[in-house]
């Protein structure tokens, strides 16, 4: 028996929404059609995937297992389609994902000098998709900022850099030469607290109910707009803060947090010579010794 990828896509939509009506709208199909497809998938797998009752739609243990396996399978199928279409065009292409604040020019130049005729494409990523672009084939390699889900990936360390806290220009600490985590424990962090565990652990001393809910923020620009408006603070790698220089926010050196680690990542099962060549170029041109002093942010 072969698993129908279309049914798996339908299943993931329902699992994400936990509501057949919303999933049907997302998929642009009628709800009865979606229900029939899910029932057909359950028949094929010989297991019930959802329980529907007065409380809503819930995943069964079997459904949770299917969801865990379906996401990488669907991503791999998308990656296959993208790579086949790229190969059919005849011109070799190589796509590099990179996070804000990271410059990959030197590695690109080294690669293209070694591979004349190669078309190199660059893809700006975010915290949310820096690994996803590898799994679904949008990028061949990605220069990532840890932590990431490394399952199924080859990860090559490049360098690490300090992190800074970005404050609104009028903040009481904006003119300080540095601040500590304890200084910031009462602030509203405009990002997932797990991204800054040192702050999270200190801030837990405060009552959770007194903290405003962290909004869903996908881009650095959004965070900086909220910081400038006085809605909170954010912690960024030094190069990212320097890349987005603006007068209404101030980066301040932050004590008590570990550095941000930058790595090159790719799908471990891939054996492309281009990946090998770029990894070699990146190790020579992008990696920095730990002893190399990082530039300091501009004073307030």
Protein backbone atom coordinates (compact mmCIF):
# COMPACT_ATOMS: atom_id res chain seq x y z
CA UNK A 1 0.00 0.00 0.00
CA UNK A 2 1.26 3.48 -0.93
CA UNK A 3 0.30 6.49 1.14
CA UNK A 4 -1.49 9.21 -0.84
CA UNK A 5 0.39 12.47 -0.28
CA UNK A 6 -2.72 14.52 -1.06
CA UNK A 7 -4.59 12.81 1.77
CA UNK A 8 -1.63 13.48 4.05
CA UNK A 9 -1.78 17.18 3.18
CA UNK A 10 -5.47 17.18 4.01
CA UNK A 11 -4.74 15.39 7.28
CA UNK A 12 -2.07 17.92 8.31
CA UNK A 13 -4.47 20.80 7.63
CA UNK A 14 -7.07 19.27 9.93
CA UNK A 15 -4.43 18.47 12.55
CA UNK A 16 -3.22 22.08 12.46
CA UNK A 17 -6.69 23.58 12.72
CA UNK A 18 -8.36 20.86 14.81
CA UNK A 19 -11.50 21.91 12.98
CA UNK A 20 -12.77 20.37 9.74
CA UNK A 21 -14.54 23.52 8.60
CA UNK A 22 -11.49 25.78 8.96
CA UNK A 23 -9.26 23.14 7.38
CA UNK A 24 -11.62 22.87 4.39
CA UNK A 25 -11.53 26.65 3.92
CA UNK A 26 -7.73 26.61 4.10
CA UNK A 27 -7.58 23.85 1.47
CA UNK A 28 -10.29 25.48 -0.71
CA UNK A 29 -12.39 22.31 -0.80
CA UNK A 30 -15.83 21.43 0.51
CA UNK A 31 -16.00 20.09 4.04
CA UNK A 32 -17.79 16.82 3.06
CA UNK A 33 -15.00 16.13 0.55
CA UNK A 34 -12.39 16.68 3.24
CA UNK A 35 -14.22 14.38 5.67
CA UNK A 36 -14.37 11.62 3.04
CA UNK A 37 -10.65 11.95 2.31
CA UNK A 38 -9.77 11.69 6.01
CA UNK A 39 -11.98 8.63 6.41
CA UNK A 40 -10.32 7.07 3.35
CA UNK A 41 -6.89 7.73 4.87
CA UNK A 42 -7.98 6.15 8.15
CA UNK A 43 -9.23 3.09 6.24
CA UNK A 44 -5.92 2.82 4.37
CA UNK A 45 -3.89 3.07 7.56
CA UNK A 46 -6.24 0.93 9.61
CA UNK A 47 -6.41 3.43 12.44
CA UNK A 48 -8.63 6.23 13.68
CA UNK A 49 -6.76 9.55 13.45
CA UNK A 50 -9.26 12.01 14.94
CA UNK A 51 -11.87 11.94 17.66
CA UNK A 52 -14.76 14.34 17.19
CA UNK A 53 -17.02 15.08 20.15
CA UNK A 54 -18.71 18.02 21.85
CA UNK A 55 -15.32 19.42 22.90
CA UNK A 56 -14.14 19.59 19.30
CA UNK A 57 -11.68 17.66 17.15
CA UNK A 58 -8.73 15.93 18.79
CA UNK A 59 -5.87 13.80 17.50
CA UNK A 60 -5.72 10.18 18.60
CA UNK A 61 -2.33 8.65 19.52
CA UNK A 62 -2.23 7.22 16.00
CA UNK A 63 -3.01 10.64 14.60
CA UNK A 64 -0.19 12.21 16.60
CA UNK A 65 2.21 9.66 15.11
CA UNK A 66 0.99 10.33 11.58
CA UNK A 67 1.42 14.07 12.11
CA UNK A 68 5.00 13.58 13.34
CA UNK A 69 5.88 11.55 10.23
CA UNK A 70 3.77 13.45 7.69
CA UNK A 71 5.46 16.85 7.94
CA UNK A 72 8.96 15.70 6.89
CA UNK A 73 7.46 13.42 4.25
CA UNK A 74 5.49 16.26 2.66
CA UNK A 75 8.48 18.58 2.89
CA UNK A 76 10.66 15.97 1.16
CA UNK A 77 8.12 15.60 -1.64
CA UNK A 78 8.15 19.37 -2.19
CA UNK A 79 11.94 19.35 -2.18
CA UNK A 80 11.98 16.61 -4.83
CA UNK A 81 9.63 18.57 -7.09
CA UNK A 82 11.68 21.77 -6.76
CA UNK A 83 15.00 20.05 -7.46
CA UNK A 84 13.64 18.12 -10.45
CA UNK A 85 12.19 21.28 -11.98
CA UNK A 86 15.47 23.08 -11.39
CA UNK A 87 17.42 20.27 -13.06
CA UNK A 88 15.03 20.27 -16.02
CA UNK A 89 15.81 23.93 -16.75
CA UNK A 90 19.34 22.91 -17.72
CA UNK A 91 21.18 25.68 -15.88
CA UNK A 92 22.64 24.46 -12.57
CA UNK A 93 21.34 26.47 -9.62
CA UNK A 94 22.28 26.60 -5.97
CA UNK A 95 20.19 28.39 -3.35
CA UNK A 96 21.63 29.68 -0.08
CA UNK A 97 19.42 30.64 2.84
CA UNK A 98 20.74 33.20 5.31
CA UNK A 99 19.53 34.95 8.43
CA UNK A 100 19.40 38.77 8.81
CA UNK A 101 22.75 40.32 9.67
CA UNK A 102 24.78 37.51 8.08
CA UNK A 103 26.82 38.26 4.95
CA UNK A 104 27.58 35.32 2.64
CA UNK A 105 29.17 37.23 -0.26
CA UNK A 106 32.69 35.91 0.26
CA UNK A 107 31.53 32.28 0.24
CA UNK A 108 29.38 32.87 -2.86
CA UNK A 109 32.35 34.39 -4.71
CA UNK A 110 34.53 31.45 -3.71
CA UNK A 111 31.92 28.97 -4.92
CA UNK A 112 31.24 30.63 -8.28
CA UNK A 113 34.96 30.97 -8.99
CA UNK A 114 35.23 27.23 -8.51
CA UNK A 115 32.01 26.47 -10.40
CA UNK A 116 31.78 28.80 -13.44
CA UNK A 117 28.29 28.93 -14.92
CA UNK A 118 26.57 28.12 -11.64
CA UNK A 119 23.53 30.29 -10.90
CA UNK A 120 23.54 31.16 -7.20
CA UNK A 121 20.33 32.35 -5.58
CA UNK A 122 19.97 33.89 -2.13
CA UNK A 123 16.99 33.41 0.16
CA UNK A 124 16.48 35.54 3.27
CA UNK A 125 15.10 33.44 6.11
CA UNK A 126 13.71 34.05 9.58
CA UNK A 127 13.70 32.22 12.91
CA UNK A 128 10.54 30.45 11.79
CA UNK A 129 11.71 29.02 8.47
CA UNK A 130 15.52 28.86 8.52
CA UNK A 131 15.33 25.04 8.72
CA UNK A 132 12.06 24.59 6.86
CA UNK A 133 13.63 25.99 3.66
CA UNK A 134 16.04 23.05 3.72
CA UNK A 135 13.44 20.39 4.34
CA UNK A 136 11.09 21.56 1.59
CA UNK A 137 13.85 22.24 -0.96
CA UNK A 138 13.66 26.01 -1.19
CA UNK A 139 17.34 26.16 -0.22
CA UNK A 140 20.24 23.78 -0.70
CA UNK A 141 22.10 25.10 2.35
CA UNK A 142 21.19 27.60 5.02
CA UNK A 143 23.33 29.77 7.26
CA UNK A 144 21.39 29.41 10.50
CA UNK A 145 21.39 30.76 14.00
CA UNK A 146 21.12 28.15 16.75
CA UNK A 147 19.11 26.72 18.36
CA UNK A 148 17.39 24.76 15.59
CA UNK A 149 15.85 21.33 15.23
CA UNK A 150 18.89 19.44 13.91
CA UNK A 151 17.10 16.16 13.19
CA UNK A 152 18.09 14.93 9.73
CA UNK A 153 20.53 17.79 9.20
CA UNK A 154 24.27 18.13 8.89
CA UNK A 155 25.41 21.17 10.87
CA UNK A 156 28.81 22.82 10.47
CA UNK A 157 29.80 25.50 13.03
CA UNK A 158 31.00 28.79 11.54
CA UNK A 159 31.29 31.41 14.27
CA UNK A 160 29.64 32.88 17.33
CA UNK A 161 28.89 36.46 18.28
CA UNK A 162 27.63 38.38 21.30
CA UNK A 163 24.00 39.29 21.76
CA UNK A 164 22.68 42.72 22.68
CA UNK A 165 19.42 43.98 24.09
CA UNK A 166 17.61 46.53 21.93
CA UNK A 167 15.88 49.28 23.91
CA UNK A 168 13.78 52.29 22.91
CA UNK A 169 15.91 55.43 22.73
CA UNK A 170 14.26 56.95 25.81
CA UNK A 171 14.63 53.88 28.00
CA UNK A 172 16.23 54.34 31.44
CA UNK A 173 19.03 51.89 30.51
CA UNK A 174 19.67 53.07 26.95
CA UNK A 175 22.79 55.03 27.88
CA UNK A 176 24.42 52.32 29.99
CA UNK A 177 27.71 50.71 28.84
CA UNK A 178 26.12 47.30 29.50
CA UNK A 179 23.16 45.74 31.30
CA UNK A 180 22.51 42.44 33.03
CA UNK A 181 19.67 39.97 32.83
CA UNK A 182 18.59 41.04 36.32
CA UNK A 183 18.24 44.63 35.07
CA UNK A 184 15.73 43.42 32.47
CA UNK A 185 13.70 40.93 34.50
CA UNK A 186 10.73 43.28 34.69
CA UNK A 187 10.68 44.11 30.97
CA UNK A 188 8.34 42.73 28.34
CA UNK A 189 10.36 40.52 25.98
CA UNK A 190 9.07 40.73 22.40
CA UNK A 191 10.07 37.19 21.45
CA UNK A 192 9.70 33.61 22.60
CA UNK A 193 11.21 33.48 26.12
CA UNK A 194 12.78 30.12 25.24
CA UNK A 195 14.98 32.00 22.76
CA UNK A 196 16.59 33.77 25.72
CA UNK A 197 16.50 31.12 28.48
CA UNK A 198 18.68 33.19 30.81
CA UNK A 199 16.07 35.97 30.78
CA UNK A 200 13.23 33.47 31.03
CA UNK A 201 14.65 31.79 34.12
CA UNK A 202 15.23 35.12 35.89
CA UNK A 203 11.88 36.55 34.87
CA UNK A 204 10.03 33.52 36.27
CA UNK A 205 10.46 35.11 39.67
CA UNK A 206 7.80 37.59 38.63
CA UNK A 207 4.15 36.57 38.57
CA UNK A 208 3.29 35.23 35.14
CA UNK A 209 -0.16 36.81 35.14
CA UNK A 210 1.41 40.27 35.30
CA UNK A 211 3.10 39.78 31.94
CA UNK A 212 1.40 40.76 28.69
CA UNK A 213 1.09 38.00 26.12
CA UNK A 214 3.97 37.87 23.64
CA UNK A 215 2.59 38.65 20.15
CA UNK A 216 3.43 36.48 17.17
CA UNK A 217 6.33 38.31 15.50
CA UNK A 218 8.00 36.90 12.39
CA UNK A 219 10.42 39.60 11.28
CA UNK A 220 13.17 41.66 12.92
CA UNK A 221 11.59 44.80 11.49
CA UNK A 222 8.38 44.09 13.40
CA UNK A 223 10.27 43.68 16.67
CA UNK A 224 12.15 46.94 16.18
CA UNK A 225 8.96 48.84 15.41
CA UNK A 226 7.45 47.59 18.67
CA UNK A 227 10.62 48.38 20.62
CA UNK A 228 10.67 51.92 19.21
CA UNK A 229 7.04 52.35 20.24
CA UNK A 230 7.88 51.36 23.82
CA UNK A 231 5.99 48.05 23.70
CA UNK A 232 8.95 46.02 24.98
CA UNK A 233 12.52 44.96 24.36
CA UNK A 234 14.22 42.30 22.26
CA UNK A 235 17.53 40.44 22.31
CA UNK A 236 19.39 40.17 18.99
CA UNK A 237 22.76 39.00 17.72
CA UNK A 238 25.14 41.96 17.48
CA UNK A 239 25.42 41.83 13.68
CA UNK A 240 21.64 41.83 13.28
CA UNK A 241 21.25 44.85 15.56
CA UNK A 242 23.99 46.62 13.61
CA UNK A 243 22.37 45.81 10.28
CA UNK A 244 19.13 47.53 11.34
CA UNK A 245 20.64 50.76 12.67
CA UNK A 246 18.00 53.38 13.49
CA UNK A 247 17.92 56.40 15.78
CA UNK A 248 14.87 55.45 17.86
CA UNK A 249 16.27 52.15 19.20
CA UNK A 250 19.56 51.57 21.02
CA UNK A 251 21.52 48.29 21.19
CA UNK A 252 23.22 47.80 24.56
CA UNK A 253 25.77 45.05 25.39
CA UNK A 254 24.10 42.34 27.44
CA UNK A 255 25.86 40.47 30.24
CA UNK A 256 24.80 37.06 31.47
CA UNK A 257 23.68 35.54 28.16
CA UNK A 258 25.62 33.19 25.95
CA UNK A 259 26.70 34.13 22.43
CA UNK A 260 24.66 33.39 19.34
CA UNK A 261 26.14 30.49 17.38
CA UNK A 262 26.04 30.63 13.58
CA UNK A 263 26.27 27.41 11.56
CA UNK A 264 25.88 26.11 8.04
CA UNK A 265 23.18 23.45 7.72
CA UNK A 266 21.93 21.12 4.99
CA UNK A 267 19.88 17.92 4.71
CA UNK A 268 22.24 15.13 5.80
CA UNK A 269 21.01 12.65 3.20
CA UNK A 270 22.00 14.88 0.28
CA UNK A 271 25.29 14.13 -1.46
CA UNK A 272 25.52 17.09 -3.85
CA UNK A 273 29.12 18.10 -4.70
CA UNK A 274 27.91 21.71 -4.69
CA UNK A 275 27.00 21.43 -1.02
CA UNK A 276 30.45 20.06 -0.27
CA UNK A 277 32.09 22.89 -2.22
CA UNK A 278 30.04 25.58 -0.50
CA UNK A 279 30.63 24.09 2.96
CA UNK A 280 34.36 24.19 2.26
CA UNK A 281 34.15 27.78 1.00
CA UNK A 282 32.08 28.84 4.01
CA UNK A 283 34.54 27.31 6.47
CA UNK A 284 37.34 29.35 4.88
CA UNK A 285 35.55 32.66 4.31
CA UNK A 286 32.75 32.95 6.86
CA UNK A 287 34.17 31.29 9.95
CA UNK A 288 35.75 33.62 12.49
CA UNK A 289 38.09 32.70 15.35
CA UNK A 290 36.45 32.97 18.76
CA UNK A 291 39.17 35.37 19.84
CA UNK A 292 38.25 37.86 17.10
CA UNK A 293 36.84 40.96 18.74
CA UNK A 294 33.36 41.88 17.65
CA UNK A 295 32.51 45.50 16.91
CA UNK A 296 30.70 47.32 19.68
CA UNK A 297 27.25 48.83 19.11
CA UNK A 298 27.01 52.56 18.69
CA UNK A 299 26.59 54.41 21.97
CA UNK A 300 23.32 56.14 22.68
